[in-house]
């Protein structure tokens, strides 16, 4: 992996899995904090010009993160602000090492949208030389069709922008 703004994105079609790896020039505890604190998540999770807004975050096993992606009127077809909701439910958390759970598209109350893909995720954090941190995001889906659907929705481009924004935030 290239450490200069690295971004590895791969799809395992046999296992219906997306794997993303990114190296950050920051200490693992700081990177972990950026992934687990609402005030920090809201600063990088939405791919610009979109933004993220946390409605609730309880970062404990059995807890959840409910947030919306705010799409500004300048980029919508009807020139109105749009809000797209997402929810992560946390199943297992090993501090500064990994957290896993379920990720769904939902309404503002956290009710999953049955017409959109859902996945199981695992975000892993490990040390790299020179104080850097590698984050490995693993997303498992029920079918290749679901993976193709989220990629068609702009997932690959969007997550790359988000991770670039995180790199900038971590440098502060």
C-alpha atoms as a PDB file:
ATOM      1  CA  UNK A   1       0.000   0.000   0.000  1.00  0.00           C
ATOM      2  CA  UNK A   2       1.267   3.477  -0.843  1.00  0.00           C
ATOM      3  CA  UNK A   3       1.478   5.582   2.311  1.00  0.00           C
ATOM      4  CA  UNK A   4       1.032   8.855   0.403  1.00  0.00           C
ATOM      5  CA  UNK A   5      -2.717   9.474   0.767  1.00  0.00           C
ATOM      6  CA  UNK A   6      -3.248   5.706   0.433  1.00  0.00           C
ATOM      7  CA  UNK A   7      -6.680   4.438  -0.437  1.00  0.00           C
ATOM      8  CA  UNK A   8      -7.126   0.781  -1.307  1.00  0.00           C
ATOM      9  CA  UNK A   9     -10.652  -0.260  -2.307  1.00  0.00           C
ATOM     10  CA  UNK A  10     -11.385  -3.842  -3.301  1.00  0.00           C
ATOM     11  CA  UNK A  11     -14.447  -5.996  -3.829  1.00  0.00           C
ATOM     12  CA  UNK A  12     -14.416  -9.736  -3.143  1.00  0.00           C
ATOM     13  CA  UNK A  13     -17.278 -10.936  -5.350  1.00  0.00           C
ATOM     14  CA  UNK A  14     -17.145 -14.477  -3.937  1.00  0.00           C
ATOM     15  CA  UNK A  15     -17.636 -13.258  -0.348  1.00  0.00           C
ATOM     16  CA  UNK A  16     -19.829 -10.202  -1.128  1.00  0.00           C
ATOM     17  CA  UNK A  17     -17.337  -8.036   0.734  1.00  0.00           C
ATOM     18  CA  UNK A  18     -15.819  -4.583   0.288  1.00  0.00           C
ATOM     19  CA  UNK A  19     -12.442  -3.929   1.927  1.00  0.00           C
ATOM     20  CA  UNK A  20     -11.043  -0.411   2.232  1.00  0.00           C
ATOM     21  CA  UNK A  21      -7.618   0.377   3.689  1.00  0.00           C
ATOM     22  CA  UNK A  22      -6.261   3.810   4.481  1.00  0.00           C
ATOM     23  CA  UNK A  23      -3.091   4.900   6.285  1.00  0.00           C
ATOM     24  CA  UNK A  24      -3.312   8.062   8.404  1.00  0.00           C
ATOM     25  CA  UNK A  25      -0.366  10.113   9.588  1.00  0.00           C
ATOM     26  CA  UNK A  26      -1.659  10.155  13.169  1.00  0.00           C
ATOM     27  CA  UNK A  27      -1.554   8.174  16.398  1.00  0.00           C
ATOM     28  CA  UNK A  28      -4.067   5.317  16.667  1.00  0.00           C
ATOM     29  CA  UNK A  29      -5.783   6.798  19.756  1.00  0.00           C
ATOM     30  CA  UNK A  30      -6.444  10.046  17.880  1.00  0.00           C
ATOM     31  CA  UNK A  31      -7.757   8.211  14.808  1.00  0.00           C
ATOM     32  CA  UNK A  32      -9.996   6.074  17.058  1.00  0.00           C
ATOM     33  CA  UNK A  33     -11.370   9.206  18.722  1.00  0.00           C
ATOM     34  CA  UNK A  34     -12.241  10.696  15.315  1.00  0.00           C
ATOM     35  CA  UNK A  35     -14.264   7.550  14.481  1.00  0.00           C
ATOM     36  CA  UNK A  36     -16.080   7.327  17.832  1.00  0.00           C
ATOM     37  CA  UNK A  37     -16.922  10.915  18.858  1.00  0.00           C
ATOM     38  CA  UNK A  38     -19.989  12.649  17.396  1.00  0.00           C
ATOM     39  CA  UNK A  39     -18.421  16.116  17.276  1.00  0.00           C
ATOM     40  CA  UNK A  40     -15.468  14.775  15.269  1.00  0.00           C
ATOM     41  CA  UNK A  41     -17.505  12.419  13.044  1.00  0.00           C
ATOM     42  CA  UNK A  42     -19.686  15.352  11.989  1.00  0.00           C
ATOM     43  CA  UNK A  43     -16.564  17.177  10.766  1.00  0.00           C
ATOM     44  CA  UNK A  44     -15.430  14.514   8.294  1.00  0.00           C
ATOM     45  CA  UNK A  45     -18.029  11.805   7.630  1.00  0.00           C
ATOM     46  CA  UNK A  46     -20.085  13.644   4.967  1.00  0.00           C
ATOM     47  CA  UNK A  47     -18.292  13.894   1.603  1.00  0.00           C
ATOM     48  CA  UNK A  48     -18.074  17.617   0.759  1.00  0.00           C
ATOM     49  CA  UNK A  49     -20.148  19.483  -0.186  1.00  0.00           C
ATOM     50  CA  UNK A  50     -22.428  17.204   1.854  1.00  0.00           C
ATOM     51  CA  UNK A  51     -22.172  17.195   5.637  1.00  0.00           C
ATOM     52  CA  UNK A  52     -23.065  14.747   8.383  1.00  0.00           C
ATOM     53  CA  UNK A  53     -25.109  15.580  11.466  1.00  0.00           C
ATOM     54  CA  UNK A  54     -25.357  13.195  14.401  1.00  0.00           C
ATOM     55  CA  UNK A  55     -28.786  12.819  15.979  1.00  0.00           C
ATOM     56  CA  UNK A  56     -27.568  10.362  18.623  1.00  0.00           C
ATOM     57  CA  UNK A  57     -24.439   8.380  19.385  1.00  0.00           C
ATOM     58  CA  UNK A  58     -24.059   5.804  22.114  1.00  0.00           C
ATOM     59  CA  UNK A  59     -20.695   4.192  21.417  1.00  0.00           C
ATOM     60  CA  UNK A  60     -21.076   1.034  23.503  1.00  0.00           C
ATOM     61  CA  UNK A  61     -21.822  -2.571  22.615  1.00  0.00           C
ATOM     62  CA  UNK A  62     -25.553  -2.609  21.909  1.00  0.00           C
ATOM     63  CA  UNK A  63     -25.516   1.149  21.232  1.00  0.00           C
ATOM     64  CA  UNK A  64     -25.901   2.966  17.946  1.00  0.00           C
ATOM     65  CA  UNK A  65     -25.000   6.004  15.863  1.00  0.00           C
ATOM     66  CA  UNK A  66     -27.956   7.683  14.114  1.00  0.00           C
ATOM     67  CA  UNK A  67     -26.990  10.432  11.688  1.00  0.00           C
ATOM     68  CA  UNK A  68     -28.077  12.138   8.520  1.00  0.00           C
ATOM     69  CA  UNK A  69     -26.177  13.111   5.421  1.00  0.00           C
ATOM     70  CA  UNK A  70     -27.215  16.626   4.463  1.00  0.00           C
ATOM     71  CA  UNK A  71     -27.122  17.279   0.721  1.00  0.00           C
ATOM     72  CA  UNK A  72     -27.080  21.024  -0.019  1.00  0.00           C
ATOM     73  CA  UNK A  73     -29.625  22.555  -2.430  1.00  0.00           C
ATOM     74  CA  UNK A  74     -26.829  23.523  -4.810  1.00  0.00           C
ATOM     75  CA  UNK A  75     -26.342  19.902  -5.880  1.00  0.00           C
ATOM     76  CA  UNK A  76     -29.886  18.508  -5.763  1.00  0.00           C
ATOM     77  CA  UNK A  77     -32.124  18.232  -8.810  1.00  0.00           C
ATOM     78  CA  UNK A  78     -34.926  20.258  -7.217  1.00  0.00           C
ATOM     79  CA  UNK A  79     -32.647  22.806  -5.469  1.00  0.00           C
ATOM     80  CA  UNK A  80     -33.854  21.816  -1.985  1.00  0.00           C
ATOM     81  CA  UNK A  81     -31.842  20.433   0.910  1.00  0.00           C
ATOM     82  CA  UNK A  82     -32.072  16.658   1.256  1.00  0.00           C
ATOM     83  CA  UNK A  83     -31.385  14.505   4.301  1.00  0.00           C
ATOM     84  CA  UNK A  84     -30.447  10.851   3.975  1.00  0.00           C
ATOM     85  CA  UNK A  85     -30.393   8.897   7.231  1.00  0.00           C
ATOM     86  CA  UNK A  86     -28.055   6.132   8.323  1.00  0.00           C
ATOM     87  CA  UNK A  87     -27.657   4.026  11.434  1.00  0.00           C
ATOM     88  CA  UNK A  88     -24.839   1.900  12.744  1.00  0.00           C
ATOM     89  CA  UNK A  89     -25.623  -0.555  15.527  1.00  0.00           C
ATOM     90  CA  UNK A  90     -22.539  -1.577  17.491  1.00  0.00           C
ATOM     91  CA  UNK A  91     -22.154  -5.254  18.328  1.00  0.00           C
ATOM     92  CA  UNK A  92     -18.530  -5.610  19.438  1.00  0.00           C
ATOM     93  CA  UNK A  93     -16.050  -2.939  20.542  1.00  0.00           C
ATOM     94  CA  UNK A  94     -12.412  -3.517  21.499  1.00  0.00           C
ATOM     95  CA  UNK A  95     -11.090  -0.011  22.292  1.00  0.00           C
ATOM     96  CA  UNK A  96      -8.430   1.302  19.913  1.00  0.00           C
ATOM     97  CA  UNK A  97      -8.472  -2.030  18.021  1.00  0.00           C
ATOM     98  CA  UNK A  98     -11.824  -2.547  16.242  1.00  0.00           C
ATOM     99  CA  UNK A  99     -15.564  -2.096  16.352  1.00  0.00           C
ATOM    100  CA  UNK A 100     -18.201  -3.987  14.400  1.00  0.00           C
ATOM    101  CA  UNK A 101     -21.909  -4.068  13.823  1.00  0.00           C
ATOM    102  CA  UNK A 102     -24.672  -3.465  11.315  1.00  0.00           C
ATOM    103  CA  UNK A 103     -25.015  -0.496   8.965  1.00  0.00           C
ATOM    104  CA  UNK A 104     -28.398   0.459   7.449  1.00  0.00           C
ATOM    105  CA  UNK A 105     -30.111   3.224   5.549  1.00  0.00           C
ATOM    106  CA  UNK A 106     -33.059   4.351   7.651  1.00  0.00           C
ATOM    107  CA  UNK A 107     -35.533   7.089   8.477  1.00  0.00           C
ATOM    108  CA  UNK A 108     -34.949   9.847  11.035  1.00  0.00           C
ATOM    109  CA  UNK A 109     -36.152   7.512  13.814  1.00  0.00           C
ATOM    110  CA  UNK A 110     -33.649   4.772  12.928  1.00  0.00           C
ATOM    111  CA  UNK A 111     -36.148   2.426  11.240  1.00  0.00           C
ATOM    112  CA  UNK A 112     -34.292   0.530   8.495  1.00  0.00           C
ATOM    113  CA  UNK A 113     -35.351   1.072   4.882  1.00  0.00           C
ATOM    114  CA  UNK A 114     -36.120  -2.444   3.555  1.00  0.00           C
ATOM    115  CA  UNK A 115     -35.585  -1.269  -0.045  1.00  0.00           C
ATOM    116  CA  UNK A 116     -31.944  -0.296   0.481  1.00  0.00           C
ATOM    117  CA  UNK A 117     -28.918  -2.492   1.201  1.00  0.00           C
ATOM    118  CA  UNK A 118     -27.732  -3.183   4.709  1.00  0.00           C
ATOM    119  CA  UNK A 119     -24.403  -4.613   5.708  1.00  0.00           C
ATOM    120  CA  UNK A 120     -22.275  -5.954   8.493  1.00  0.00           C
ATOM    121  CA  UNK A 121     -19.158  -3.909   9.122  1.00  0.00           C
ATOM    122  CA  UNK A 122     -15.885  -4.195  10.985  1.00  0.00           C
ATOM    123  CA  UNK A 123     -13.510  -1.229  11.310  1.00  0.00           C
ATOM    124  CA  UNK A 124      -9.995  -2.221  12.411  1.00  0.00           C
ATOM    125  CA  UNK A 125      -7.245   0.099  13.696  1.00  0.00           C
ATOM    126  CA  UNK A 126      -3.573  -0.875  13.827  1.00  0.00           C
ATOM    127  CA  UNK A 127      -0.197   0.800  14.184  1.00  0.00           C
ATOM    128  CA  UNK A 128       2.070   1.487  11.248  1.00  0.00           C
ATOM    129  CA  UNK A 129       5.718   2.595  11.488  1.00  0.00           C
ATOM    130  CA  UNK A 130       6.504   6.211  12.390  1.00  0.00           C
ATOM    131  CA  UNK A 131       3.348   6.768  14.462  1.00  0.00           C
ATOM    132  CA  UNK A 132       0.937   6.168  11.592  1.00  0.00           C
ATOM    133  CA  UNK A 133      -2.334   4.250  11.800  1.00  0.00           C
ATOM    134  CA  UNK A 134      -3.944   1.960   9.279  1.00  0.00           C
ATOM    135  CA  UNK A 135      -7.721   1.688   9.229  1.00  0.00           C
ATOM    136  CA  UNK A 136      -9.245  -1.334   7.522  1.00  0.00           C
ATOM    137  CA  UNK A 137     -12.960  -1.135   6.812  1.00  0.00           C
ATOM    138  CA  UNK A 138     -14.676  -4.429   5.975  1.00  0.00           C
ATOM    139  CA  UNK A 139     -18.275  -4.387   4.755  1.00  0.00           C
ATOM    140  CA  UNK A 140     -20.137  -7.677   4.203  1.00  0.00           C
ATOM    141  CA  UNK A 141     -23.398  -7.840   2.255  1.00  0.00           C
ATOM    142  CA  UNK A 142     -26.014 -10.464   1.460  1.00  0.00           C
ATOM    143  CA  UNK A 143     -25.384 -10.301  -2.282  1.00  0.00           C
ATOM    144  CA  UNK A 144     -23.187  -8.885  -5.000  1.00  0.00           C
ATOM    145  CA  UNK A 145     -26.257  -6.956  -6.182  1.00  0.00           C
ATOM    146  CA  UNK A 146     -26.245  -5.023  -2.883  1.00  0.00           C
ATOM    147  CA  UNK A 147     -22.568  -4.160  -3.302  1.00  0.00           C
ATOM    148  CA  UNK A 148     -23.167  -3.015  -6.871  1.00  0.00           C
ATOM    149  CA  UNK A 149     -26.108  -0.905  -5.671  1.00  0.00           C
ATOM    150  CA  UNK A 150     -24.107   0.980  -3.022  1.00  0.00           C
ATOM    151  CA  UNK A 151     -21.209   1.483  -5.434  1.00  0.00           C
ATOM    152  CA  UNK A 152     -23.695   2.886  -7.999  1.00  0.00           C
ATOM    153  CA  UNK A 153     -24.902   5.261  -5.258  1.00  0.00           C
ATOM    154  CA  UNK A 154     -21.378   6.736  -5.124  1.00  0.00           C
ATOM    155  CA  UNK A 155     -19.987   4.864  -2.120  1.00  0.00           C
ATOM    156  CA  UNK A 156     -16.426   4.469  -3.411  1.00  0.00           C
ATOM    157  CA  UNK A 157     -16.026   8.122  -4.350  1.00  0.00           C
ATOM    158  CA  UNK A 158     -17.854   9.325  -1.233  1.00  0.00           C
ATOM    159  CA  UNK A 159     -15.833   7.305   1.269  1.00  0.00           C
ATOM    160  CA  UNK A 160     -12.585   8.404  -0.381  1.00  0.00           C
ATOM    161  CA  UNK A 161     -13.573  12.060   0.058  1.00  0.00           C
ATOM    162  CA  UNK A 162     -14.567  11.381   3.688  1.00  0.00           C
ATOM    163  CA  UNK A 163     -11.229   9.715   4.462  1.00  0.00           C
ATOM    164  CA  UNK A 164      -9.371  12.601   2.790  1.00  0.00           C
ATOM    165  CA  UNK A 165     -11.338  14.986   5.028  1.00  0.00           C
ATOM    166  CA  UNK A 166     -10.390  12.888   8.058  1.00  0.00           C
ATOM    167  CA  UNK A 167      -6.702  13.181   7.119  1.00  0.00           C
ATOM    168  CA  UNK A 168      -7.056  16.990   7.071  1.00  0.00           C
ATOM    169  CA  UNK A 169      -8.876  16.987  10.425  1.00  0.00           C
ATOM    170  CA  UNK A 170      -6.227  14.760  12.016  1.00  0.00           C
ATOM    171  CA  UNK A 171      -3.496  17.158  10.870  1.00  0.00           C
ATOM    172  CA  UNK A 172      -5.103  19.911  12.974  1.00  0.00           C
END
